[in-house]
Structures are given as structure tokens and as C-alpha cells.
């Protein structure tokens, strides 16, 4: 209230006081409007260093922290002149790695607000569409230290991105940054609200709401499927996990708990797409809220598949993995990506890296690979049959073909496609229907991802 008063404002919104938390119906109605609340607010006041709601904005600090470090240099051939030092990584250390930003809901608050005042451990920071500043650099933090992790576009062309509605709007880049920031946070009390807590940002994008599919968008959907689970959350390592309570299809990043890395659809990637999206749907729990919770969903695709078995042997320093009957390669345990890294070499000119979304408690077993893009040698999804319906699969991870020869050629993955065709001879449950044959002579299949 003191900060609000000193800003010359009369009204203050506090979520915990202004929203009824217990009645589910009231809470959902208010949650759907929270994006408008933050986007239309004059300023967002952030207790960035506070561990919880009892800490407040103001903390004991040393005034030397807000005084710029002034150095007078006397280099040979130069006149004596003062220089001001700004530590590299201050924004990351004092803002992005602080307790407030570890809460998933806050990603929406700091993203949609036109202005944010951060109360950190050492000084006050300022963030808006034009600049980032701090008490010791009131005219703006030097550009080279400001990592653009916020979904706000800071160049002149995209400054008013909330008002843009033409084809130049970089919505895929905006959404990618928003999801990556959001996925680093935690939903302590309502894990099932994974989609609701980012719905305000989704509503702000100039796209038809019918294009929204449980955290992904119809436009550029095939490329968006290539997200990967990441262990890095700014505070060490954490394992991603699949939610025990259903909240999204496995092909959506919202189905896992933990940091994810998103890909940005590009014209080049779309030109290399090797999977056709035939149908994509989700079932909304509340049909009136396109950006809310879903009860199920599926994507029906046509594409090329490979079949193989993963196995591993753990030693004291490395894990050895193999896919199908390929040669074995040693991979460090600490890969930096969640789950297991499986490497397969064939014909000596390339290998396949497979990154599972979550650590498999029972390593090994049969998996399938669906080629999504031919770019950079090929990449796609690691999938596994559900056994419930013919041609129905769940996503288990991501794979990438790494090669030094003709990086845009799909031929390396094509070499493995015969393994899937052979497997279908004994099990027609592996596909819904056969499709056409590619120019490389590879049989395509129609399957569904749930």
C-alpha cells in the first residue's frame, strides 16, 4: 500500500485478497480474467526476493550495492577518464533466479504487465517495453547484459506487439519464450492448472482461439511438437516428470512437470516437414474457455516410422545405450537434458540421439520413431503404442539424427524405416492405415498421438 500511494495511485490488486480461492467455479472464472488484469494494470509491484507472502517488499541492504562502481583508468595513450562497471549476469542473479520467478503463475504477471517494479535483495529494478533499469543505472542497464528471456519484444518493430494483428507479428517467438519461462516455475497447489496459469498470455496473441490446442497452435504445429524436456532451471538440476493427474495429451509440453525447450517454426523448417497433420483436436472441460483445461486430445498424422529396442548398461562414469542393433557409443551421465540419452550409430556416417521426456524406471523395451522434419539430418518424436486402439501412441521423447553428410537429406532415417514395416507384418495394431509411398520408396503410415 505504501508503494501504491507513493506512485500516486488509488487502487491495488492483490490476487489472494481479490479472488475467492476455494469455490472452484469462482476461481476458474477469475483465473480466466487475470490476463486482462495484469495487461491493463498501471504497474506490477513484484516482491522478487521474497520467499513467501510474509516477507514483504523491503529487506535490509547495503547502500554500497546501489552505488555504481567508478573506476578511473590510466591506460597508455589514453586520457584519464572514469568508467562505470556493471556486473555481468546481475539481472539473471537478482531477478530471474529469485524466489518469485520460481512460481509458475508469476510468468504471466511479469509478462503481461506493461511495467514491473522488482524489489530485489540489493536494489530496485525496473522493467518495461522500452528498457530495463536499476537504481545504480537509472538510465538503463547496459544492453549487453540484458538477456532477452522475457516474451516482450524490445526492438522498435515489435515494441507494441500486443496491438499487432498482421502477418509480421512474431507470435511463435513470443510463445516459445513464454512457455520456457513459465515451465521453469512450479504450481504448488493446483498442478492441474498448468494450462490455466498461462492462458492470459495465449489470449493476448493475435490468433483465432480455435487454433489453440492444449498449449500448442495449429499454425506450425508439426514443428511445435519438437519440444524437449530440459533439466536446467537456474538452480541446479531437476528431473522432469509426467503428471499423475491428466491435464494434457502427451504431445503437449503441458503434460510434464519441469523446464522445457521449445522450437520456433520457421519457413525453412516447414519446407522440410515430413509429417502431415491430418487432424488435431482437444476436448475442453469448459467448452466456453478455449484456453482452459482439457479432458483429452489427439493428433492424427501421416508419416515415416522406425522401430527398435533401447537398452542401457550403467557403469561408474558413463551409461552405454544402443538402439536396435547399432554399434554402442558411450555417453556421459550428466547430459544436461532430462531422461536418458540414447545414441545409435549406423553405417559409420551418422547417429541418432534420443532424449526421453521423463526417466524410464524400466529401461529398455521397444520404441518407435516418427520423423517430423528432415532438416539437419532429421528429427522427430519417440513414441510407444498404447495398446488400447489400433495405431494409437503416446509421446515418450524426442530424437535427432546427427550426421556430417548431407544434413538436409532424410536418407539416414530412411535406412531404419524398414524395421517398422517388418514389425507390422506380425502386428497390424501398430498402425491405423497404410498411406502412400514416398519418393524414396518408404511406406508411410497413419497413426494417432494421444
Protein backbone atom coordinates (compact mmCIF):
# COMPACT_ATOMS: atom_id res chain seq x y z
CA UNK A 1 0.00 0.00 0.00
CA UNK A 2 2.89 2.35 0.73
CA UNK A 3 4.39 1.84 -2.75
CA UNK A 4 0.99 2.29 -4.39
CA UNK A 5 0.48 5.54 -2.51
CA UNK A 6 3.93 6.88 -3.41
CA UNK A 7 3.23 6.12 -7.06
CA UNK A 8 0.20 8.38 -6.80
CA UNK A 9 -2.25 5.55 -7.44
CA UNK A 10 -5.51 4.82 -5.62
CA UNK A 11 -6.20 1.15 -6.34
CA UNK A 12 -4.25 -2.01 -5.54
CA UNK A 13 -4.99 -5.54 -6.77
CA UNK A 14 -3.75 -8.49 -4.69
CA UNK A 15 -4.68 -11.93 -6.03
CA UNK A 16 -5.07 -13.66 -2.69
CA UNK A 17 -7.41 -10.92 -1.45
CA UNK A 18 -9.33 -10.14 -4.63
CA UNK A 19 -10.04 -13.70 -5.83
CA UNK A 20 -12.13 -16.25 -3.95
CA UNK A 21 -9.72 -19.19 -3.69
CA UNK A 22 -11.91 -22.07 -2.53
CA UNK A 23 -15.08 -22.16 -4.68
CA UNK A 24 -13.82 -23.90 -7.86
CA UNK A 25 -16.35 -22.15 -10.09
CA UNK A 26 -15.49 -18.66 -8.80
CA UNK A 27 -11.77 -19.31 -9.00
CA UNK A 28 -11.90 -20.53 -12.61
CA UNK A 29 -13.97 -17.52 -13.66
CA UNK A 30 -11.47 -15.13 -12.07
CA UNK A 31 -8.45 -17.02 -13.41
CA UNK A 32 -9.70 -16.60 -16.97
CA UNK A 33 -9.68 -12.81 -16.47
CA UNK A 34 -6.32 -12.48 -14.74
CA UNK A 35 -4.54 -11.82 -18.01
CA UNK A 36 -6.66 -8.72 -18.56
CA UNK A 37 -5.97 -7.59 -15.00
CA UNK A 38 -2.19 -7.59 -15.45
CA UNK A 39 -2.19 -6.30 -19.01
CA UNK A 40 -4.34 -3.29 -18.08
CA UNK A 41 -2.64 -2.51 -14.77
CA UNK A 42 -0.60 0.68 -14.48
CA UNK A 43 2.28 -1.20 -12.88
CA UNK A 44 3.06 -4.60 -11.40
CA UNK A 45 4.76 -4.48 -7.98
CA UNK A 46 6.95 -7.56 -7.55
CA UNK A 47 8.40 -8.74 -4.24
CA UNK A 48 11.04 -10.57 -6.24
CA UNK A 49 13.33 -11.53 -3.35
CA UNK A 50 10.53 -12.61 -1.00
CA UNK A 51 10.42 -16.29 -0.04
CA UNK A 52 6.67 -16.09 0.65
CA UNK A 53 3.83 -13.65 1.33
CA UNK A 54 5.05 -12.82 4.83
CA UNK A 55 8.35 -11.24 3.74
CA UNK A 56 7.13 -8.03 2.12
CA UNK A 57 8.93 -5.75 -0.31
CA UNK A 58 11.64 -4.18 1.81
CA UNK A 59 14.69 -6.08 3.03
CA UNK A 60 17.83 -4.90 4.88
CA UNK A 61 20.51 -3.97 2.40
CA UNK A 62 23.85 -2.21 1.99
CA UNK A 63 23.75 1.18 0.28
CA UNK A 64 27.02 0.40 -1.46
CA UNK A 65 25.06 -2.09 -3.56
CA UNK A 66 23.23 0.75 -5.30
CA UNK A 67 26.28 2.92 -5.90
CA UNK A 68 27.90 2.30 -9.30
CA UNK A 69 31.48 1.14 -9.18
CA UNK A 70 33.51 4.03 -10.64
CA UNK A 71 36.99 3.31 -11.98
CA UNK A 72 39.42 5.91 -13.34
CA UNK A 73 41.60 4.23 -15.95
CA UNK A 74 45.02 5.48 -16.99
CA UNK A 75 45.95 3.35 -19.98
CA UNK A 76 48.91 4.31 -22.09
CA UNK A 77 47.88 6.58 -24.93
CA UNK A 78 44.50 7.44 -23.39
CA UNK A 79 43.37 10.34 -21.27
CA UNK A 80 42.38 9.64 -17.69
CA UNK A 81 38.63 9.18 -17.66
CA UNK A 82 36.08 7.45 -15.42
CA UNK A 83 34.39 4.14 -16.27
CA UNK A 84 31.34 2.65 -14.55
CA UNK A 85 31.31 -1.10 -14.01
CA UNK A 86 28.18 -3.21 -14.33
CA UNK A 87 28.36 -6.86 -13.31
CA UNK A 88 27.51 -9.40 -15.98
CA UNK A 89 24.54 -11.57 -15.00
CA UNK A 90 23.08 -9.15 -12.44
CA UNK A 91 19.58 -9.36 -13.96
CA UNK A 92 19.64 -13.13 -14.00
CA UNK A 93 21.01 -13.36 -10.46
CA UNK A 94 18.83 -10.70 -8.82
CA UNK A 95 15.60 -11.22 -10.79
CA UNK A 96 15.26 -14.42 -12.77
CA UNK A 97 16.86 -16.72 -10.19
CA UNK A 98 14.99 -15.28 -7.20
CA UNK A 99 12.08 -16.99 -5.36
CA UNK A 100 9.27 -15.06 -7.04
CA UNK A 101 10.22 -16.19 -10.54
CA UNK A 102 10.16 -19.83 -9.39
CA UNK A 103 6.35 -19.62 -9.21
CA UNK A 104 4.68 -20.51 -12.49
CA UNK A 105 1.81 -18.04 -12.09
CA UNK A 106 4.26 -15.14 -11.92
CA UNK A 107 5.44 -15.72 -15.50
CA UNK A 108 2.08 -14.44 -16.68
CA UNK A 109 2.14 -11.48 -14.32
CA UNK A 110 5.56 -10.12 -15.30
CA UNK A 111 4.99 -10.89 -18.97
CA UNK A 112 1.67 -9.14 -19.47
CA UNK A 113 2.30 -6.11 -17.26
CA UNK A 114 3.40 -3.03 -19.20
CA UNK A 115 5.63 -2.01 -16.27
CA UNK A 116 7.20 -4.02 -13.46
CA UNK A 117 8.99 -2.77 -10.34
CA UNK A 118 11.17 -5.51 -8.86
CA UNK A 119 12.20 -5.26 -5.20
CA UNK A 120 15.34 -7.41 -5.04
CA UNK A 121 17.81 -8.21 -2.28
CA UNK A 122 20.12 -5.34 -3.23
CA UNK A 123 18.20 -2.66 -5.12
CA UNK A 124 15.06 -1.78 -7.05
CA UNK A 125 14.87 -2.88 -10.69
CA UNK A 126 12.58 -1.51 -13.39
CA UNK A 127 11.26 -3.28 -16.48
CA UNK A 128 9.02 -2.02 -19.27
CA UNK A 129 8.66 -2.28 -23.04
CA UNK A 130 11.44 0.27 -23.59
CA UNK A 131 14.16 -0.59 -21.11
CA UNK A 132 15.43 -2.35 -18.04
CA UNK A 133 16.95 -0.19 -15.32
CA UNK A 134 18.15 -0.36 -11.72
CA UNK A 135 18.93 2.14 -9.00
CA UNK A 136 22.61 2.15 -9.88
CA UNK A 137 21.85 2.55 -13.62
CA UNK A 138 18.71 4.67 -13.75
CA UNK A 139 19.10 5.44 -17.46
CA UNK A 140 19.06 1.77 -18.36
CA UNK A 141 21.08 -1.39 -17.85
CA UNK A 142 23.81 -1.78 -20.49
CA UNK A 143 22.34 -3.77 -23.36
CA UNK A 144 24.99 -6.45 -23.45
CA UNK A 145 23.93 -7.76 -20.04
CA UNK A 146 20.19 -7.91 -20.70
CA UNK A 147 19.32 -11.41 -21.85
CA UNK A 148 16.01 -11.32 -23.70
CA UNK A 149 14.24 -14.05 -21.73
CA UNK A 150 11.07 -12.04 -21.41
CA UNK A 151 8.40 -12.59 -24.03
CA UNK A 152 8.36 -8.85 -24.62
CA UNK A 153 9.94 -7.89 -27.93
CA UNK A 154 12.24 -4.95 -27.30
CA UNK A 155 13.13 -3.79 -30.78
CA UNK A 156 11.26 -0.93 -32.39
CA UNK A 157 9.40 -3.09 -34.89
CA UNK A 158 7.75 -5.26 -32.25
CA UNK A 159 7.50 -2.87 -29.31
CA UNK A 160 3.72 -2.66 -29.38
CA UNK A 161 3.31 -6.37 -30.00
CA UNK A 162 0.07 -6.66 -28.07
CA UNK A 163 -1.56 -4.34 -30.61
CA UNK A 164 -0.18 -6.06 -33.72
CA UNK A 165 -2.55 -8.13 -35.80
CA UNK A 166 -0.77 -8.54 -39.12
CA UNK A 167 1.45 -11.22 -40.59
CA UNK A 168 4.63 -9.63 -39.21
CA UNK A 169 3.75 -10.44 -35.61
CA UNK A 170 6.40 -12.84 -34.18
CA UNK A 171 3.89 -14.82 -32.14
CA UNK A 172 5.79 -18.13 -32.29
CA UNK A 173 8.89 -16.50 -30.80
CA UNK A 174 6.76 -14.79 -28.15
CA UNK A 175 5.01 -18.04 -27.25
CA UNK A 176 8.27 -20.01 -27.16
CA UNK A 177 9.84 -17.59 -24.68
CA UNK A 178 6.68 -17.52 -22.58
CA UNK A 179 6.46 -21.30 -22.31
CA UNK A 180 10.16 -21.67 -21.49
CA UNK A 181 9.94 -19.06 -18.73
CA UNK A 182 6.67 -20.50 -17.43
CA UNK A 183 7.82 -24.13 -17.40
CA UNK A 184 10.71 -23.27 -15.08
CA UNK A 185 8.24 -22.34 -12.34
CA UNK A 186 6.20 -24.53 -10.03
CA UNK A 187 2.46 -24.86 -9.47
CA UNK A 188 2.47 -25.64 -5.77
CA UNK A 189 -1.22 -26.04 -5.00
CA UNK A 190 -3.04 -26.59 -8.31
CA UNK A 191 -0.83 -28.69 -10.58
CA UNK A 192 -3.86 -29.40 -12.76
CA UNK A 193 -3.98 -25.68 -13.63
CA UNK A 194 -0.96 -25.93 -15.94
CA UNK A 195 -2.90 -24.56 -18.92
CA UNK A 196 -4.96 -22.04 -16.95
CA UNK A 197 -1.91 -20.32 -15.46
CA UNK A 198 -0.58 -19.38 -18.91
CA UNK A 199 -3.94 -18.77 -20.59
CA UNK A 200 -3.69 -14.99 -20.20
CA UNK A 201 -0.67 -14.89 -22.50
CA UNK A 202 -2.35 -17.20 -25.01
CA UNK A 203 -5.42 -14.94 -25.11
CA UNK A 204 -3.21 -11.94 -25.84
CA UNK A 205 -1.79 -13.38 -29.05
CA UNK A 206 -3.49 -12.23 -32.27
CA UNK A 207 -4.58 -15.72 -33.31
CA UNK A 208 -8.00 -17.36 -33.67
CA UNK A 209 -8.83 -19.15 -30.43
CA UNK A 210 -9.83 -22.29 -32.32
CA UNK A 211 -6.16 -22.66 -33.28
CA UNK A 212 -5.15 -23.30 -29.66
CA UNK A 213 -4.52 -26.94 -28.73
CA UNK A 214 -3.52 -27.57 -25.11
CA UNK A 215 -0.51 -25.24 -25.19
CA UNK A 216 0.31 -25.54 -28.90
CA UNK A 217 -1.03 -23.80 -32.01
CA UNK A 218 -2.42 -25.17 -35.25
CA UNK A 219 -0.16 -22.87 -37.26
CA UNK A 220 3.26 -24.54 -37.37
CA UNK A 221 2.00 -27.44 -35.24
CA UNK A 222 4.39 -30.08 -36.58
CA UNK A 223 7.44 -28.01 -35.61
CA UNK A 224 6.00 -27.21 -32.17
CA UNK A 225 5.75 -30.93 -31.42
CA UNK A 226 9.56 -30.97 -31.26
CA UNK A 227 9.84 -29.56 -27.73
CA UNK A 228 12.32 -31.21 -25.39
CA UNK A 229 12.47 -31.63 -21.64
CA UNK A 230 15.40 -29.80 -20.04
CA UNK A 231 16.99 -30.22 -16.61
CA UNK A 232 18.36 -26.69 -16.29
CA UNK A 233 16.18 -24.47 -14.11
CA UNK A 234 18.73 -21.92 -12.89
CA UNK A 235 19.12 -23.59 -9.51
CA UNK A 236 20.81 -26.84 -10.41
CA UNK A 237 19.30 -29.98 -11.88
CA UNK A 238 15.80 -31.33 -11.62
CA UNK A 239 14.14 -34.33 -13.18
CA UNK A 240 11.06 -33.80 -15.28
CA UNK A 241 8.04 -35.96 -14.52
CA UNK A 242 4.80 -36.81 -16.24
CA UNK A 243 1.80 -35.50 -14.31
CA UNK A 244 -0.04 -38.24 -12.42
CA UNK A 245 -3.31 -36.37 -12.96
CA UNK A 246 -4.33 -35.93 -16.59
CA UNK A 247 -4.14 -32.35 -17.80
CA UNK A 248 -2.88 -32.53 -21.40
CA UNK A 249 -2.07 -35.03 -24.17
CA UNK A 250 1.46 -36.43 -24.09
CA UNK A 251 2.34 -34.50 -27.26
CA UNK A 252 1.91 -31.24 -25.33
CA UNK A 253 4.64 -29.76 -23.12
CA UNK A 254 1.90 -29.17 -20.53
CA UNK A 255 1.82 -32.90 -19.79
CA UNK A 256 5.19 -32.79 -18.00
CA UNK A 257 6.42 -31.02 -14.88
CA UNK A 258 9.76 -29.33 -15.38
CA UNK A 259 11.61 -26.96 -17.73
CA UNK A 260 11.10 -27.45 -21.46
CA UNK A 261 12.80 -26.05 -24.55
CA UNK A 262 10.54 -25.03 -27.42
CA UNK A 263 11.33 -24.81 -31.11
CA UNK A 264 10.26 -21.85 -33.23
CA UNK A 265 8.56 -22.79 -36.52
CA UNK A 266 10.36 -21.27 -39.48
CA UNK A 267 9.79 -21.23 -43.22
CA UNK A 268 12.86 -23.41 -43.67
CA UNK A 269 11.61 -25.96 -41.14
CA UNK A 270 8.14 -26.06 -42.66
CA UNK A 271 9.66 -26.70 -46.08
CA UNK A 272 11.45 -29.72 -44.59
CA UNK A 273 8.38 -31.10 -42.79
CA UNK A 274 7.99 -34.81 -43.39
CA UNK A 275 4.82 -35.47 -41.41
CA UNK A 276 1.30 -34.43 -42.41
CA UNK A 277 -1.13 -33.36 -39.69
CA UNK A 278 -4.46 -34.86 -40.78
CA UNK A 279 -6.49 -33.89 -37.72
CA UNK A 280 -5.86 -32.29 -34.32
CA UNK A 281 -8.45 -31.90 -31.57
CA UNK A 282 -8.81 -31.43 -27.84
CA UNK A 283 -11.87 -31.83 -25.62
CA UNK A 284 -12.41 -28.85 -23.33
CA UNK A 285 -13.69 -29.34 -19.80
CA UNK A 286 -15.39 -25.96 -20.12
CA UNK A 287 -16.44 -25.53 -23.78
CA UNK A 288 -16.69 -21.76 -23.31
CA UNK A 289 -12.99 -21.45 -22.39
CA UNK A 290 -10.81 -22.41 -25.36
CA UNK A 291 -7.65 -21.76 -23.35
CA UNK A 292 -8.65 -23.75 -20.29
CA UNK A 293 -8.35 -27.33 -19.08
CA UNK A 294 -8.78 -30.30 -21.40
CA UNK A 295 -10.02 -33.83 -20.71
CA UNK A 296 -8.36 -35.45 -23.73
CA UNK A 297 -6.91 -34.75 -27.15
CA UNK A 298 -5.35 -36.39 -30.18
CA UNK A 299 -3.34 -35.65 -33.30
CA UNK A 300 -3.76 -37.87 -36.36
CA UNK A 301 -0.72 -37.90 -38.64
CA UNK A 302 0.73 -39.50 -41.76
CA UNK A 303 4.45 -40.13 -41.86
CA UNK A 304 7.51 -42.40 -41.82
CA UNK A 305 8.34 -44.53 -38.79
CA UNK A 306 11.20 -46.67 -37.50
CA UNK A 307 11.16 -49.43 -34.89
CA UNK A 308 13.81 -50.57 -32.44
CA UNK A 309 14.73 -51.54 -28.92
CA UNK A 310 16.51 -49.35 -26.39
CA UNK A 311 18.90 -50.82 -23.87
CA UNK A 312 21.45 -49.42 -21.47
CA UNK A 313 24.25 -50.51 -19.16
CA UNK A 314 25.34 -48.15 -16.38
CA UNK A 315 28.97 -48.00 -15.27
CA UNK A 316 30.56 -45.73 -12.67
CA UNK A 317 31.15 -42.85 -15.07
CA UNK A 318 29.06 -43.43 -18.17
CA UNK A 319 25.89 -45.00 -19.44
CA UNK A 320 26.06 -47.13 -22.55
CA UNK A 321 22.99 -47.12 -24.75
CA UNK A 322 22.03 -48.75 -28.00
CA UNK A 323 19.08 -48.53 -30.35
CA UNK A 324 18.12 -51.57 -32.46
CA UNK A 325 21.29 -53.46 -33.45
CA UNK A 326 23.56 -50.47 -33.93
CA UNK A 327 27.00 -50.04 -32.50
CA UNK A 328 27.27 -48.85 -28.90
CA UNK A 329 28.61 -45.42 -28.01
CA UNK A 330 29.44 -44.13 -24.52
CA UNK A 331 27.53 -41.06 -23.33
CA UNK A 332 28.21 -39.04 -20.13
CA UNK A 333 25.62 -39.49 -17.40
CA UNK A 334 25.19 -35.74 -16.95
CA UNK A 335 23.79 -34.92 -20.37
CA UNK A 336 22.00 -31.68 -19.40
CA UNK A 337 18.72 -32.99 -20.79
CA UNK A 338 16.10 -34.81 -18.76
CA UNK A 339 15.75 -38.56 -19.06
CA UNK A 340 18.19 -40.79 -20.88
CA UNK A 341 20.32 -40.03 -23.89
CA UNK A 342 20.45 -42.99 -26.26
CA UNK A 343 22.85 -42.96 -29.19
CA UNK A 344 22.71 -45.25 -32.21
CA UNK A 345 25.37 -45.39 -34.92
CA UNK A 346 24.78 -46.95 -38.32
CA UNK A 347 26.93 -47.23 -41.45
CA UNK A 348 29.57 -45.09 -39.75
CA UNK A 349 28.31 -41.74 -41.09
CA UNK A 350 25.73 -40.62 -38.52
CA UNK A 351 23.99 -41.49 -35.27
CA UNK A 352 20.64 -40.85 -33.59
CA UNK A 353 20.31 -39.07 -30.24
CA UNK A 354 17.15 -39.88 -28.31
CA UNK A 355 16.03 -37.77 -25.35
CA UNK A 356 13.23 -39.25 -23.25
CA UNK A 357 10.76 -36.81 -21.68
CA UNK A 358 10.99 -38.50 -18.28
CA UNK A 359 13.38 -41.04 -16.86
CA UNK A 360 12.19 -44.55 -17.65
CA UNK A 361 12.03 -46.64 -14.44
CA UNK A 362 12.31 -49.76 -16.60
CA UNK A 363 14.96 -49.05 -19.26
CA UNK A 364 14.78 -50.97 -22.48
CA UNK A 365 11.76 -52.16 -24.37
CA UNK A 366 10.51 -51.36 -27.82
CA UNK A 367 10.04 -47.81 -29.05
CA UNK A 368 9.11 -46.21 -32.34
CA UNK A 369 10.37 -43.05 -34.02
CA UNK A 370 8.13 -40.76 -36.09
CA UNK A 371 10.07 -38.50 -38.47
CA UNK A 372 8.68 -34.94 -38.18
CA UNK A 373 11.27 -32.85 -40.02
CA UNK A 374 14.04 -33.65 -42.50
CA UNK A 375 16.00 -30.55 -41.54
CA UNK A 376 19.57 -31.07 -40.23
CA UNK A 377 19.51 -34.79 -40.97
CA UNK A 378 16.09 -35.44 -39.49
CA UNK A 379 14.32 -35.17 -36.13
CA UNK A 380 11.05 -36.30 -34.65
CA UNK A 381 9.21 -37.99 -31.81
CA UNK A 382 9.92 -41.13 -29.83
CA UNK A 383 6.56 -42.85 -29.36
CA UNK A 384 5.12 -46.04 -27.89
CA UNK A 385 1.85 -47.89 -28.65
CA UNK A 386 -0.91 -47.60 -26.06
CA UNK A 387 -2.36 -50.99 -26.97
CA UNK A 388 -5.83 -49.54 -26.42
CA UNK A 389 -6.64 -48.72 -30.06
CA UNK A 390 -5.13 -49.58 -33.39
CA UNK A 391 -2.41 -47.14 -34.39
CA UNK A 392 -2.62 -45.15 -31.13
CA UNK A 393 0.60 -43.93 -29.49
CA UNK A 394 1.82 -41.76 -26.63
CA UNK A 395 4.83 -39.49 -26.87
CA UNK A 396 7.89 -40.62 -24.90
CA UNK A 397 10.61 -38.28 -26.14
CA UNK A 398 12.46 -36.58 -28.97
CA UNK A 399 15.14 -37.79 -31.39
CA UNK A 400 17.61 -36.11 -33.72
CA UNK A 401 19.70 -37.63 -36.49
CA UNK A 402 23.21 -36.23 -36.36
CA UNK A 403 25.32 -36.58 -39.48
CA UNK A 404 28.25 -34.94 -41.21
CA UNK A 405 26.95 -35.90 -44.64
CA UNK A 406 24.19 -34.00 -46.47
CA UNK A 407 22.49 -32.60 -43.35
CA UNK A 408 19.22 -31.90 -45.18
CA UNK A 409 18.88 -35.41 -46.58
CA UNK A 410 16.33 -37.78 -45.00
CA UNK A 411 18.18 -40.82 -46.33
CA UNK A 412 19.79 -41.65 -42.98
CA UNK A 413 16.44 -42.09 -41.21
CA UNK A 414 15.05 -43.86 -44.27
CA UNK A 415 17.58 -46.63 -43.70
CA UNK A 416 15.75 -47.54 -40.48
CA UNK A 417 12.18 -47.35 -41.80
CA UNK A 418 12.26 -50.95 -42.96
CA UNK A 419 12.34 -52.01 -39.30
CA UNK A 420 8.82 -50.63 -38.75
CA UNK A 421 7.44 -52.21 -41.91
CA UNK A 422 8.85 -55.56 -40.81
CA UNK A 423 7.26 -55.19 -37.36
CA UNK A 424 3.83 -54.55 -38.89
CA UNK A 425 3.89 -57.94 -40.59
CA UNK A 426 3.16 -59.56 -37.24
CA UNK A 427 1.20 -56.73 -35.61
CA UNK A 428 -1.32 -54.63 -37.53
CA UNK A 429 -2.19 -52.82 -34.28
CA UNK A 430 0.91 -50.68 -34.91
CA UNK A 431 -0.87 -48.52 -37.49
CA UNK A 432 -4.34 -47.28 -38.30
CA UNK A 433 -3.90 -47.50 -42.06
CA UNK A 434 -1.23 -47.59 -44.74
CA UNK A 435 -0.74 -44.38 -46.70
CA UNK A 436 1.19 -43.61 -49.87
CA UNK A 437 4.83 -44.47 -50.57
CA UNK A 438 7.42 -41.66 -50.59
CA UNK A 439 9.75 -40.84 -53.46
CA UNK A 440 12.47 -42.73 -51.53
CA UNK A 441 10.30 -45.84 -51.64
CA UNK A 442 9.34 -45.71 -47.96
CA UNK A 443 5.87 -46.83 -46.89
CA UNK A 444 4.05 -44.15 -44.86
CA UNK A 445 1.50 -44.94 -42.17
CA UNK A 446 -1.38 -43.17 -40.45
CA UNK A 447 -1.26 -43.17 -36.65
CA UNK A 448 -2.69 -41.12 -33.77
CA UNK A 449 -0.91 -39.48 -30.84
CA UNK A 450 -2.77 -39.03 -27.54
